């Protein structure tokens, strides 16, 4: 059984530097922000909105995605790039990462003759190792983020202050963050073991890495968010830094329309579900959380811009008091 290191000291509490900061100020100080959550809750659009917001605040941001569909390209309004780094705004860049390319770059760093590099990466043994070894693809993604942060991986347009990773959904997202700990157990020595050790320390440090969970105020997404929090504590020794409750139906009195109107019935039903699940989160979620409204915008850059504005408004407020577990 893999024995993970104990949690980073006070990993579930604000660092000394964070005391008095808003959640936005705390996020803006981090070097890696990992965004995860159940599929279909708006995880990618929240990641894009965070990237846009931090860029507006003066941070140099790399948005990193691993979805081969290049979802973030669609959301930010740029053409698919096939893995190249592309500019979205002056301080915001985007890359769709292919893990195999990261491994090939690592080989080039340690094997300086190009003809040998080509032989290594084309060999069936290397390809089987990349595809089958536990945790290595996840390690490649996180390793690329760390190399960008440390300036080892040079980006067009200069260095990045922060990498925002649009991570896989829920269980796969936890497995990605736990991968460095797994690799240190199964790989003994060499560059991959060294990289895994560096990543494990970086992810465990709450002053370097932030974890953002996105959910909807609905039964199954909330349940998955709570289970995700427990899995992160058990496997990574971390608790999420922020919960984003996305796409809430508006509160208050419904518009004056005829009783039985389908839109009014839907509003009442969805808002009742939202309120029930918000109450469950208030009772069970430990840590900062923010609520985002359902925004009437088409999917794409206008929606990202609207949510960035909402995040600026909500994250600038003091964090809500944590509930007792």
C-alpha atoms as a PDB file:
ATOM      1  CA  UNK A   1       0.000   0.000   0.000  1.00  0.00           C
ATOM      2  CA  UNK A   2       1.235   3.488  -0.838  1.00  0.00           C
ATOM      3  CA  UNK A   3       2.010   5.445   2.331  1.00  0.00           C
ATOM      4  CA  UNK A   4       1.428   9.133   1.739  1.00  0.00           C
ATOM      5  CA  UNK A   5       3.262  11.733   3.816  1.00  0.00           C
ATOM      6  CA  UNK A   6       1.345  13.417   6.632  1.00  0.00           C
ATOM      7  CA  UNK A   7      -0.541  16.616   5.820  1.00  0.00           C
ATOM      8  CA  UNK A   8       1.512  19.778   5.458  1.00  0.00           C
ATOM      9  CA  UNK A   9       1.445  21.561   8.839  1.00  0.00           C
ATOM     10  CA  UNK A  10      -1.791  23.583   9.132  1.00  0.00           C
ATOM     11  CA  UNK A  11      -2.615  22.812   5.484  1.00  0.00           C
ATOM     12  CA  UNK A  12      -6.295  23.447   6.172  1.00  0.00           C
ATOM     13  CA  UNK A  13      -5.701  26.829   7.799  1.00  0.00           C
ATOM     14  CA  UNK A  14      -4.716  30.208   6.317  1.00  0.00           C
ATOM     15  CA  UNK A  15      -0.992  30.885   6.204  1.00  0.00           C
ATOM     16  CA  UNK A  16       0.317  33.796   8.258  1.00  0.00           C
ATOM     17  CA  UNK A  17       0.586  35.905   5.106  1.00  0.00           C
ATOM     18  CA  UNK A  18      -3.060  35.173   4.237  1.00  0.00           C
ATOM     19  CA  UNK A  19      -4.558  36.497   7.456  1.00  0.00           C
ATOM     20  CA  UNK A  20      -6.639  39.545   6.605  1.00  0.00           C
ATOM     21  CA  UNK A  21      -6.579  38.825   2.883  1.00  0.00           C
ATOM     22  CA  UNK A  22      -9.709  38.311   0.846  1.00  0.00           C
ATOM     23  CA  UNK A  23     -10.042  34.954  -0.960  1.00  0.00           C
ATOM     24  CA  UNK A  24      -9.108  36.817  -4.145  1.00  0.00           C
ATOM     25  CA  UNK A  25      -5.936  38.151  -2.562  1.00  0.00           C
ATOM     26  CA  UNK A  26      -5.059  34.664  -1.363  1.00  0.00           C
ATOM     27  CA  UNK A  27      -5.579  33.079  -4.789  1.00  0.00           C
ATOM     28  CA  UNK A  28      -3.631  35.846  -6.511  1.00  0.00           C
ATOM     29  CA  UNK A  29      -0.590  35.036  -4.342  1.00  0.00           C
ATOM     30  CA  UNK A  30      -0.426  31.368  -5.369  1.00  0.00           C
ATOM     31  CA  UNK A  31       1.759  29.961  -8.142  1.00  0.00           C
ATOM     32  CA  UNK A  32      -0.407  26.963  -9.072  1.00  0.00           C
ATOM     33  CA  UNK A  33      -4.208  26.888  -8.917  1.00  0.00           C
ATOM     34  CA  UNK A  34      -5.823  23.515  -9.607  1.00  0.00           C
ATOM     35  CA  UNK A  35      -9.514  23.669 -10.544  1.00  0.00           C
ATOM     36  CA  UNK A  36     -11.559  20.475 -10.306  1.00  0.00           C
ATOM     37  CA  UNK A  37     -15.113  19.256  -9.684  1.00  0.00           C
ATOM     38  CA  UNK A  38     -17.811  17.004 -11.060  1.00  0.00           C
ATOM     39  CA  UNK A  39     -18.178  17.000 -14.833  1.00  0.00           C
ATOM     40  CA  UNK A  40     -20.829  19.397 -16.104  1.00  0.00           C
ATOM     41  CA  UNK A  41     -20.693  21.904 -13.219  1.00  0.00           C
ATOM     42  CA  UNK A  42     -18.846  24.624 -15.158  1.00  0.00           C
ATOM     43  CA  UNK A  43     -15.335  23.747 -14.000  1.00  0.00           C
ATOM     44  CA  UNK A  44     -13.645  24.893 -17.198  1.00  0.00           C
ATOM     45  CA  UNK A  45     -15.510  28.185 -17.444  1.00  0.00           C
ATOM     46  CA  UNK A  46     -14.639  28.966 -13.804  1.00  0.00           C
ATOM     47  CA  UNK A  47     -10.970  28.184 -14.548  1.00  0.00           C
ATOM     48  CA  UNK A  48     -11.077  30.508 -17.556  1.00  0.00           C
ATOM     49  CA  UNK A  49     -12.795  33.232 -15.521  1.00  0.00           C
ATOM     50  CA  UNK A  50     -10.173  32.951 -12.772  1.00  0.00           C
ATOM     51  CA  UNK A  51      -7.455  33.252 -15.388  1.00  0.00           C
ATOM     52  CA  UNK A  52      -8.999  36.347 -16.874  1.00  0.00           C
ATOM     53  CA  UNK A  53      -9.534  37.927 -13.456  1.00  0.00           C
ATOM     54  CA  UNK A  54      -5.970  37.330 -12.258  1.00  0.00           C
ATOM     55  CA  UNK A  55      -4.635  38.686 -15.555  1.00  0.00           C
ATOM     56  CA  UNK A  56      -6.725  41.832 -15.033  1.00  0.00           C
ATOM     57  CA  UNK A  57      -5.115  42.134 -11.597  1.00  0.00           C
ATOM     58  CA  UNK A  58      -1.657  42.169 -13.162  1.00  0.00           C
ATOM     59  CA  UNK A  59      -0.614  38.536 -12.876  1.00  0.00           C
ATOM     60  CA  UNK A  60       0.950  36.791 -15.876  1.00  0.00           C
ATOM     61  CA  UNK A  61      -1.253  33.719 -16.239  1.00  0.00           C
ATOM     62  CA  UNK A  62      -0.940  30.450 -18.139  1.00  0.00           C
ATOM     63  CA  UNK A  63      -4.219  28.551 -18.470  1.00  0.00           C
ATOM     64  CA  UNK A  64      -3.373  24.885 -18.850  1.00  0.00           C
ATOM     65  CA  UNK A  65      -5.842  22.274 -20.088  1.00  0.00           C
ATOM     66  CA  UNK A  66      -5.476  18.569 -20.827  1.00  0.00           C
ATOM     67  CA  UNK A  67      -8.833  17.972 -22.540  1.00  0.00           C
ATOM     68  CA  UNK A  68      -8.094  16.970 -26.177  1.00  0.00           C
ATOM     69  CA  UNK A  69     -11.315  18.775 -27.183  1.00  0.00           C
ATOM     70  CA  UNK A  70      -9.566  22.078 -26.316  1.00  0.00           C
ATOM     71  CA  UNK A  71     -12.552  23.336 -24.334  1.00  0.00           C
ATOM     72  CA  UNK A  72     -10.716  26.360 -22.946  1.00  0.00           C
ATOM     73  CA  UNK A  73      -9.873  27.491 -26.456  1.00  0.00           C
ATOM     74  CA  UNK A  74     -13.584  27.581 -27.252  1.00  0.00           C
ATOM     75  CA  UNK A  75     -14.404  29.381 -24.000  1.00  0.00           C
ATOM     76  CA  UNK A  76     -11.746  32.045 -24.479  1.00  0.00           C
ATOM     77  CA  UNK A  77     -12.503  32.606 -28.148  1.00  0.00           C
ATOM     78  CA  UNK A  78      -9.188  31.436 -29.635  1.00  0.00           C
ATOM     79  CA  UNK A  79      -8.672  28.848 -32.345  1.00  0.00           C
ATOM     80  CA  UNK A  80      -7.451  25.339 -31.445  1.00  0.00           C
ATOM     81  CA  UNK A  81      -3.651  25.411 -31.233  1.00  0.00           C
ATOM     82  CA  UNK A  82      -2.634  21.749 -31.206  1.00  0.00           C
ATOM     83  CA  UNK A  83      -0.540  22.178 -28.069  1.00  0.00           C
ATOM     84  CA  UNK A  84       1.079  25.514 -28.852  1.00  0.00           C
ATOM     85  CA  UNK A  85       0.962  28.345 -26.307  1.00  0.00           C
ATOM     86  CA  UNK A  86      -1.390  31.068 -27.580  1.00  0.00           C
ATOM     87  CA  UNK A  87      -2.144  34.556 -26.311  1.00  0.00           C
ATOM     88  CA  UNK A  88      -5.704  35.250 -25.177  1.00  0.00           C
ATOM     89  CA  UNK A  89      -5.057  38.699 -23.697  1.00  0.00           C
ATOM     90  CA  UNK A  90      -1.837  40.615 -22.950  1.00  0.00           C
ATOM     91  CA  UNK A  91      -1.292  38.822 -19.628  1.00  0.00           C
ATOM     92  CA  UNK A  92      -3.266  35.651 -20.320  1.00  0.00           C
ATOM     93  CA  UNK A  93      -1.977  32.696 -22.325  1.00  0.00           C
ATOM     94  CA  UNK A  94      -3.418  29.266 -22.962  1.00  0.00           C
ATOM     95  CA  UNK A  95      -1.979  25.837 -23.695  1.00  0.00           C
ATOM     96  CA  UNK A  96      -3.539  22.457 -24.388  1.00  0.00           C
ATOM     97  CA  UNK A  97      -0.973  20.046 -23.001  1.00  0.00           C
ATOM     98  CA  UNK A  98      -0.104  16.630 -24.400  1.00  0.00           C
ATOM     99  CA  UNK A  99       1.652  14.593 -21.646  1.00  0.00           C
ATOM    100  CA  UNK A 100       3.730  12.609 -24.143  1.00  0.00           C
ATOM    101  CA  UNK A 101       5.381  15.836 -25.319  1.00  0.00           C
ATOM    102  CA  UNK A 102       6.429  16.566 -21.732  1.00  0.00           C
ATOM    103  CA  UNK A 103       8.135  13.175 -21.446  1.00  0.00           C
ATOM    104  CA  UNK A 104       9.926  13.771 -24.717  1.00  0.00           C
ATOM    105  CA  UNK A 105      11.192  17.115 -23.398  1.00  0.00           C
ATOM    106  CA  UNK A 106      12.522  15.381 -20.274  1.00  0.00           C
ATOM    107  CA  UNK A 107      14.345  12.846 -22.440  1.00  0.00           C
ATOM    108  CA  UNK A 108      15.931  15.682 -24.433  1.00  0.00           C
ATOM    109  CA  UNK A 109      17.182  17.270 -21.217  1.00  0.00           C
ATOM    110  CA  UNK A 110      19.043  14.111 -20.225  1.00  0.00           C
ATOM    111  CA  UNK A 111      19.983  12.708 -23.653  1.00  0.00           C
ATOM    112  CA  UNK A 112      21.703  15.480 -25.564  1.00  0.00           C
ATOM    113  CA  UNK A 113      22.114  13.717 -28.917  1.00  0.00           C
ATOM    114  CA  UNK A 114      19.023  14.190 -31.057  1.00  0.00           C
ATOM    115  CA  UNK A 115      19.339  10.904 -32.938  1.00  0.00           C
ATOM    116  CA  UNK A 116      19.353   9.046 -29.597  1.00  0.00           C
ATOM    117  CA  UNK A 117      16.347  11.055 -28.414  1.00  0.00           C
ATOM    118  CA  UNK A 118      14.414   9.997 -31.513  1.00  0.00           C
ATOM    119  CA  UNK A 119      15.330   6.345 -30.932  1.00  0.00           C
ATOM    120  CA  UNK A 120      14.288   6.475 -27.279  1.00  0.00           C
ATOM    121  CA  UNK A 121      10.907   8.153 -27.787  1.00  0.00           C
ATOM    122  CA  UNK A 122      10.079   5.921 -30.776  1.00  0.00           C
ATOM    123  CA  UNK A 123      10.869   2.684 -28.931  1.00  0.00           C
ATOM    124  CA  UNK A 124       7.971   0.422 -27.892  1.00  0.00           C
ATOM    125  CA  UNK A 125       9.474   0.143 -24.402  1.00  0.00           C
ATOM    126  CA  UNK A 126       9.333   3.920 -23.900  1.00  0.00           C
ATOM    127  CA  UNK A 127       5.807   4.152 -25.282  1.00  0.00           C
ATOM    128  CA  UNK A 128       4.596   1.304 -23.061  1.00  0.00           C
ATOM    129  CA  UNK A 129       6.281   2.908 -20.041  1.00  0.00           C
ATOM    130  CA  UNK A 130       4.547   6.257 -20.676  1.00  0.00           C
ATOM    131  CA  UNK A 131       1.146   4.640 -21.259  1.00  0.00           C
ATOM    132  CA  UNK A 132       1.170   2.031 -18.502  1.00  0.00           C
ATOM    133  CA  UNK A 133       3.262   3.279 -15.580  1.00  0.00           C
ATOM    134  CA  UNK A 134       0.966   4.422 -12.755  1.00  0.00           C
ATOM    135  CA  UNK A 135       0.788   8.166 -12.247  1.00  0.00           C
ATOM    136  CA  UNK A 136       3.279   9.175 -14.936  1.00  0.00           C
ATOM    137  CA  UNK A 137       0.851  11.005 -17.227  1.00  0.00           C
ATOM    138  CA  UNK A 138      -0.427  12.989 -14.266  1.00  0.00           C
ATOM    139  CA  UNK A 139       3.160  13.620 -13.197  1.00  0.00           C
ATOM    140  CA  UNK A 140       3.943  14.974 -16.654  1.00  0.00           C
ATOM    141  CA  UNK A 141       1.100  17.490 -16.487  1.00  0.00           C
ATOM    142  CA  UNK A 142       1.988  18.741 -13.007  1.00  0.00           C
ATOM    143  CA  UNK A 143       5.683  18.684 -13.871  1.00  0.00           C
ATOM    144  CA  UNK A 144       5.089  20.911 -16.865  1.00  0.00           C
ATOM    145  CA  UNK A 145       3.241  23.390 -14.635  1.00  0.00           C
ATOM    146  CA  UNK A 146       6.122  23.406 -12.153  1.00  0.00           C
ATOM    147  CA  UNK A 147       8.696  23.894 -14.899  1.00  0.00           C
ATOM    148  CA  UNK A 148       6.723  26.855 -16.238  1.00  0.00           C
ATOM    149  CA  UNK A 149       6.473  28.385 -12.748  1.00  0.00           C
ATOM    150  CA  UNK A 150      10.227  28.007 -12.184  1.00  0.00           C
ATOM    151  CA  UNK A 151      11.116  29.392 -15.597  1.00  0.00           C
ATOM    152  CA  UNK A 152      12.643  26.126 -16.839  1.00  0.00           C
ATOM    153  CA  UNK A 153      10.000  25.767 -19.543  1.00  0.00           C
ATOM    154  CA  UNK A 154      10.247  28.964 -21.581  1.00  0.00           C
ATOM    155  CA  UNK A 155       6.988  30.365 -22.907  1.00  0.00           C
ATOM    156  CA  UNK A 156       6.405  32.625 -25.894  1.00  0.00           C
ATOM    157  CA  UNK A 157       5.875  36.101 -24.497  1.00  0.00           C
ATOM    158  CA  UNK A 158       7.851  35.568 -21.293  1.00  0.00           C
ATOM    159  CA  UNK A 159       7.462  33.899 -17.930  1.00  0.00           C
ATOM    160  CA  UNK A 160       4.217  33.151 -16.083  1.00  0.00           C
ATOM    161  CA  UNK A 161       3.565  34.114 -12.456  1.00  0.00           C
ATOM    162  CA  UNK A 162       0.747  31.614 -12.005  1.00  0.00           C
ATOM    163  CA  UNK A 163      -0.481  28.473 -13.762  1.00  0.00           C
ATOM    164  CA  UNK A 164      -4.187  27.668 -13.580  1.00  0.00           C
ATOM    165  CA  UNK A 165      -4.752  24.000 -14.332  1.00  0.00           C
ATOM    166  CA  UNK A 166      -8.187  22.948 -15.561  1.00  0.00           C
ATOM    167  CA  UNK A 167      -7.835  19.507 -14.004  1.00  0.00           C
ATOM    168  CA  UNK A 168      -9.848  16.372 -14.789  1.00  0.00           C
ATOM    169  CA  UNK A 169     -13.156  15.888 -13.000  1.00  0.00           C
ATOM    170  CA  UNK A 170     -13.453  14.787  -9.344  1.00  0.00           C
ATOM    171  CA  UNK A 171     -11.845  11.335  -8.876  1.00  0.00           C
ATOM    172  CA  UNK A 172      -9.405  11.811 -11.742  1.00  0.00           C
ATOM    173  CA  UNK A 173      -8.506  15.230 -10.359  1.00  0.00           C
ATOM    174  CA  UNK A 174      -7.677  13.712  -6.964  1.00  0.00           C
ATOM    175  CA  UNK A 175      -5.630  10.990  -8.663  1.00  0.00           C
ATOM    176  CA  UNK A 176      -3.662  13.656 -10.523  1.00  0.00           C
ATOM    177  CA  UNK A 177      -2.794  15.514  -7.315  1.00  0.00           C
ATOM    178  CA  UNK A 178      -1.930  12.234  -5.561  1.00  0.00           C
ATOM    179  CA  UNK A 179       0.250  11.002  -8.445  1.00  0.00           C
ATOM    180  CA  UNK A 180       3.551  12.465  -7.151  1.00  0.00           C
ATOM    181  CA  UNK A 181       3.152  10.509  -3.920  1.00  0.00           C
ATOM    182  CA  UNK A 182       2.383   7.324  -5.877  1.00  0.00           C
ATOM    183  CA  UNK A 183       5.371   7.743  -8.186  1.00  0.00           C
ATOM    184  CA  UNK A 184       7.806   8.246  -5.306  1.00  0.00           C
ATOM    185  CA  UNK A 185       6.720   4.812  -4.071  1.00  0.00           C
ATOM    186  CA  UNK A 186       6.968   2.912  -7.358  1.00  0.00           C
ATOM    187  CA  UNK A 187       9.914   4.650  -9.090  1.00  0.00           C
ATOM    188  CA  UNK A 188      13.233   4.333  -7.271  1.00  0.00           C
ATOM    189  CA  UNK A 189      15.708   6.982  -8.327  1.00  0.00           C
ATOM    190  CA  UNK A 190      16.174   8.850 -11.594  1.00  0.00           C
ATOM    191  CA  UNK A 191      14.621  12.033 -13.003  1.00  0.00           C
ATOM    192  CA  UNK A 192      10.994  10.921 -12.573  1.00  0.00           C
ATOM    193  CA  UNK A 193      11.470  10.125  -8.893  1.00  0.00           C
ATOM    194  CA  UNK A 194      13.233  13.451  -8.368  1.00  0.00           C
ATOM    195  CA  UNK A 195      10.438  15.335 -10.123  1.00  0.00           C
ATOM    196  CA  UNK A 196       7.803  13.454  -8.100  1.00  0.00           C
ATOM    197  CA  UNK A 197       9.484  14.466  -4.849  1.00  0.00           C
ATOM    198  CA  UNK A 198       9.583  18.115  -5.880  1.00  0.00           C
ATOM    199  CA  UNK A 199       5.938  18.046  -6.913  1.00  0.00           C
ATOM    200  CA  UNK A 200       4.782  16.335  -3.728  1.00  0.00           C
ATOM    201  CA  UNK A 201       6.367  19.108  -1.654  1.00  0.00           C
ATOM    202  CA  UNK A 202       4.981  21.836  -3.926  1.00  0.00           C
ATOM    203  CA  UNK A 203       1.411  20.505  -3.880  1.00  0.00           C
ATOM    204  CA  UNK A 204       1.499  19.929  -0.125  1.00  0.00           C
ATOM    205  CA  UNK A 205       2.512  23.556   0.493  1.00  0.00           C
ATOM    206  CA  UNK A 206      -0.662  25.702   0.776  1.00  0.00           C
ATOM    207  CA  UNK A 207       1.392  28.857   0.191  1.00  0.00           C
ATOM    208  CA  UNK A 208       2.352  27.593  -3.295  1.00  0.00           C
ATOM    209  CA  UNK A 209      -0.623  25.577  -4.547  1.00  0.00           C
ATOM    210  CA  UNK A 210      -4.339  26.335  -4.248  1.00  0.00           C
ATOM    211  CA  UNK A 211      -7.103  23.822  -4.902  1.00  0.00           C
ATOM    212  CA  UNK A 212     -10.455  25.140  -6.128  1.00  0.00           C
ATOM    213  CA  UNK A 213     -13.512  22.879  -6.258  1.00  0.00           C
ATOM    214  CA  UNK A 214     -16.479  23.821  -8.463  1.00  0.00           C
ATOM    215  CA  UNK A 215     -19.983  22.488  -7.858  1.00  0.00           C
ATOM    216  CA  UNK A 216     -23.637  23.151  -8.529  1.00  0.00           C
ATOM    217  CA  UNK A 217     -26.134  23.507  -5.670  1.00  0.00           C
ATOM    218  CA  UNK A 218     -27.722  20.188  -6.608  1.00  0.00           C
ATOM    219  CA  UNK A 219     -27.723  16.882  -4.771  1.00  0.00           C
ATOM    220  CA  UNK A 220     -25.201  14.832  -6.747  1.00  0.00           C
ATOM    221  CA  UNK A 221     -22.661  17.611  -7.428  1.00  0.00           C
ATOM    222  CA  UNK A 222     -22.712  18.651  -3.757  1.00  0.00           C
ATOM    223  CA  UNK A 223     -22.256  15.048  -2.639  1.00  0.00           C
ATOM    224  CA  UNK A 224     -19.295  14.658  -5.010  1.00  0.00           C
ATOM    225  CA  UNK A 225     -17.782  17.917  -3.744  1.00  0.00           C
ATOM    226  CA  UNK A 226     -17.980  16.690  -0.154  1.00  0.00           C
ATOM    227  CA  UNK A 227     -16.475  13.338  -1.123  1.00  0.00           C
ATOM    228  CA  UNK A 228     -13.779  15.126  -3.125  1.00  0.00           C
ATOM    229  CA  UNK A 229     -12.833  17.147  -0.054  1.00  0.00           C
ATOM    230  CA  UNK A 230     -12.538  13.962   2.012  1.00  0.00           C
ATOM    231  CA  UNK A 231     -10.461  12.248  -0.701  1.00  0.00           C
ATOM    232  CA  UNK A 232      -8.068  15.200  -0.918  1.00  0.00           C
ATOM    233  CA  UNK A 233      -7.573  15.111   2.838  1.00  0.00           C
ATOM    234  CA  UNK A 234      -6.935  11.361   2.806  1.00  0.00           C
ATOM    235  CA  UNK A 235      -4.737  11.074  -0.296  1.00  0.00           C
ATOM    236  CA  UNK A 236      -3.024  14.461  -0.619  1.00  0.00           C
ATOM    237  CA  UNK A 237      -3.099  15.838   2.917  1.00  0.00           C
ATOM    238  CA  UNK A 238      -4.850  18.998   1.709  1.00  0.00           C
ATOM    239  CA  UNK A 239      -8.280  20.558   1.950  1.00  0.00           C
ATOM    240  CA  UNK A 240      -9.667  22.718  -0.868  1.00  0.00           C
ATOM    241  CA  UNK A 241      -8.843  26.405  -0.577  1.00  0.00           C
ATOM    242  CA  UNK A 242     -12.114  27.506  -2.164  1.00  0.00           C
ATOM    243  CA  UNK A 243     -15.490  26.068  -3.139  1.00  0.00           C
ATOM    244  CA  UNK A 244     -17.246  27.797  -6.033  1.00  0.00           C
ATOM    245  CA  UNK A 245     -21.000  27.136  -6.131  1.00  0.00           C
ATOM    246  CA  UNK A 246     -21.835  27.872  -9.749  1.00  0.00           C
ATOM    247  CA  UNK A 247     -24.976  28.731 -11.731  1.00  0.00           C
ATOM    248  CA  UNK A 248     -27.400  29.522  -8.910  1.00  0.00           C
ATOM    249  CA  UNK A 249     -30.971  30.386  -9.858  1.00  0.00           C
ATOM    250  CA  UNK A 250     -31.819  33.904  -8.660  1.00  0.00           C
ATOM    251  CA  UNK A 251     -33.307  34.245  -5.174  1.00  0.00           C
ATOM    252  CA  UNK A 252     -36.155  36.515  -4.144  1.00  0.00           C
ATOM    253  CA  UNK A 253     -39.705  36.810  -5.344  1.00  0.00           C
ATOM    254  CA  UNK A 254     -40.566  35.346  -8.717  1.00  0.00           C
ATOM    255  CA  UNK A 255     -41.751  37.648 -11.504  1.00  0.00           C
ATOM    256  CA  UNK A 256     -45.488  38.286 -11.599  1.00  0.00           C
ATOM    257  CA  UNK A 257     -46.645  35.756 -14.187  1.00  0.00           C
ATOM    258  CA  UNK A 258     -49.663  33.520 -14.405  1.00  0.00           C
ATOM    259  CA  UNK A 259     -49.782  30.595 -11.945  1.00  0.00           C
ATOM    260  CA  UNK A 260     -48.867  27.398 -13.740  1.00  0.00           C
ATOM    261  CA  UNK A 261     -46.484  29.122 -16.104  1.00  0.00           C
ATOM    262  CA  UNK A 262     -43.785  26.548 -16.973  1.00  0.00           C
ATOM    263  CA  UNK A 263     -40.925  29.005 -16.497  1.00  0.00           C
ATOM    264  CA  UNK A 264     -42.196  29.995 -13.047  1.00  0.00           C
ATOM    265  CA  UNK A 265     -42.594  26.349 -12.021  1.00  0.00           C
ATOM    266  CA  UNK A 266     -39.044  25.609 -13.172  1.00  0.00           C
ATOM    267  CA  UNK A 267     -37.675  28.625 -11.292  1.00  0.00           C
ATOM    268  CA  UNK A 268     -39.408  27.588  -8.079  1.00  0.00           C
ATOM    269  CA  UNK A 269     -38.237  23.987  -8.366  1.00  0.00           C
ATOM    270  CA  UNK A 270     -34.621  24.807  -9.175  1.00  0.00           C
ATOM    271  CA  UNK A 271     -34.358  27.541  -6.554  1.00  0.00           C
ATOM    272  CA  UNK A 272     -35.797  25.230  -3.889  1.00  0.00           C
ATOM    273  CA  UNK A 273     -33.130  22.643  -4.756  1.00  0.00           C
ATOM    274  CA  UNK A 274     -30.443  25.349  -4.661  1.00  0.00           C
ATOM    275  CA  UNK A 275     -31.529  26.523  -1.208  1.00  0.00           C
ATOM    276  CA  UNK A 276     -31.632  22.984   0.175  1.00  0.00           C
ATOM    277  CA  UNK A 277     -28.137  22.192  -1.060  1.00  0.00           C
ATOM    278  CA  UNK A 278     -26.724  25.570   0.029  1.00  0.00           C
ATOM    279  CA  UNK A 279     -27.973  24.770   3.531  1.00  0.00           C
ATOM    280  CA  UNK A 280     -26.226  21.391   3.361  1.00  0.00           C
ATOM    281  CA  UNK A 281     -22.983  23.055   2.326  1.00  0.00           C
ATOM    282  CA  UNK A 282     -23.310  25.655   5.080  1.00  0.00           C
ATOM    283  CA  UNK A 283     -23.545  22.825   7.603  1.00  0.00           C
ATOM    284  CA  UNK A 284     -20.848  20.545   6.190  1.00  0.00           C
ATOM    285  CA  UNK A 285     -18.308  22.492   4.130  1.00  0.00           C
ATOM    286  CA  UNK A 286     -15.214  23.670   5.961  1.00  0.00           C
ATOM    287  CA  UNK A 287     -13.490  26.638   4.389  1.00  0.00           C
ATOM    288  CA  UNK A 288     -14.095  29.513   2.033  1.00  0.00           C
ATOM    289  CA  UNK A 289     -16.885  29.329  -0.522  1.00  0.00           C
ATOM    290  CA  UNK A 290     -18.415  31.727  -3.008  1.00  0.00           C
ATOM    291  CA  UNK A 291     -21.651  31.663  -4.979  1.00  0.00           C
ATOM    292  CA  UNK A 292     -22.001  32.558  -8.647  1.00  0.00           C
ATOM    293  CA  UNK A 293     -25.342  33.256 -10.328  1.00  0.00           C
ATOM    294  CA  UNK A 294     -26.680  31.587 -13.432  1.00  0.00           C
ATOM    295  CA  UNK A 295     -25.505  34.064 -16.072  1.00  0.00           C
ATOM    296  CA  UNK A 296     -27.646  34.539 -19.206  1.00  0.00           C
ATOM    297  CA  UNK A 297     -24.771  34.492 -21.688  1.00  0.00           C
ATOM    298  CA  UNK A 298     -23.889  32.203 -24.561  1.00  0.00           C
ATOM    299  CA  UNK A 299     -21.026  29.789 -23.899  1.00  0.00           C
ATOM    300  CA  UNK A 300     -17.754  31.465 -24.812  1.00  0.00           C
ATOM    301  CA  UNK A 301     -15.802  34.634 -24.088  1.00  0.00           C
ATOM    302  CA  UNK A 302     -18.874  36.719 -23.042  1.00  0.00           C
ATOM    303  CA  UNK A 303     -19.766  34.139 -20.377  1.00  0.00           C
ATOM    304  CA  UNK A 304     -16.153  33.993 -19.153  1.00  0.00           C
ATOM    305  CA  UNK A 305     -16.051  37.781 -18.907  1.00  0.00           C
ATOM    306  CA  UNK A 306     -19.322  37.955 -16.976  1.00  0.00           C
ATOM    307  CA  UNK A 307     -18.180  35.290 -14.496  1.00  0.00           C
ATOM    308  CA  UNK A 308     -14.821  37.009 -14.058  1.00  0.00           C
ATOM    309  CA  UNK A 309     -16.744  40.093 -12.971  1.00  0.00           C
ATOM    310  CA  UNK A 310     -18.833  38.061 -10.545  1.00  0.00           C
ATOM    311  CA  UNK A 311     -15.705  36.443  -9.117  1.00  0.00           C
ATOM    312  CA  UNK A 312     -14.103  39.840  -8.605  1.00  0.00           C
ATOM    313  CA  UNK A 313     -17.189  40.976  -6.699  1.00  0.00           C
ATOM    314  CA  UNK A 314     -17.566  37.859  -4.541  1.00  0.00           C
ATOM    315  CA  UNK A 315     -13.928  36.916  -3.935  1.00  0.00           C
ATOM    316  CA  UNK A 316     -13.104  40.431  -2.831  1.00  0.00           C
ATOM    317  CA  UNK A 317     -15.291  39.995   0.222  1.00  0.00           C
ATOM    318  CA  UNK A 318     -14.026  38.420   3.454  1.00  0.00           C
ATOM    319  CA  UNK A 319     -14.254  34.625   3.462  1.00  0.00           C
ATOM    320  CA  UNK A 320     -17.356  33.248   5.220  1.00  0.00           C
ATOM    321  CA  UNK A 321     -16.732  31.701   8.615  1.00  0.00           C
ATOM    322  CA  UNK A 322     -15.977  27.993   8.433  1.00  0.00           C
ATOM    323  CA  UNK A 323     -18.672  25.712   9.789  1.00  0.00           C
ATOM    324  CA  UNK A 324     -17.855  23.074  12.356  1.00  0.00           C
ATOM    325  CA  UNK A 325     -17.516  19.650  10.824  1.00  0.00           C
END
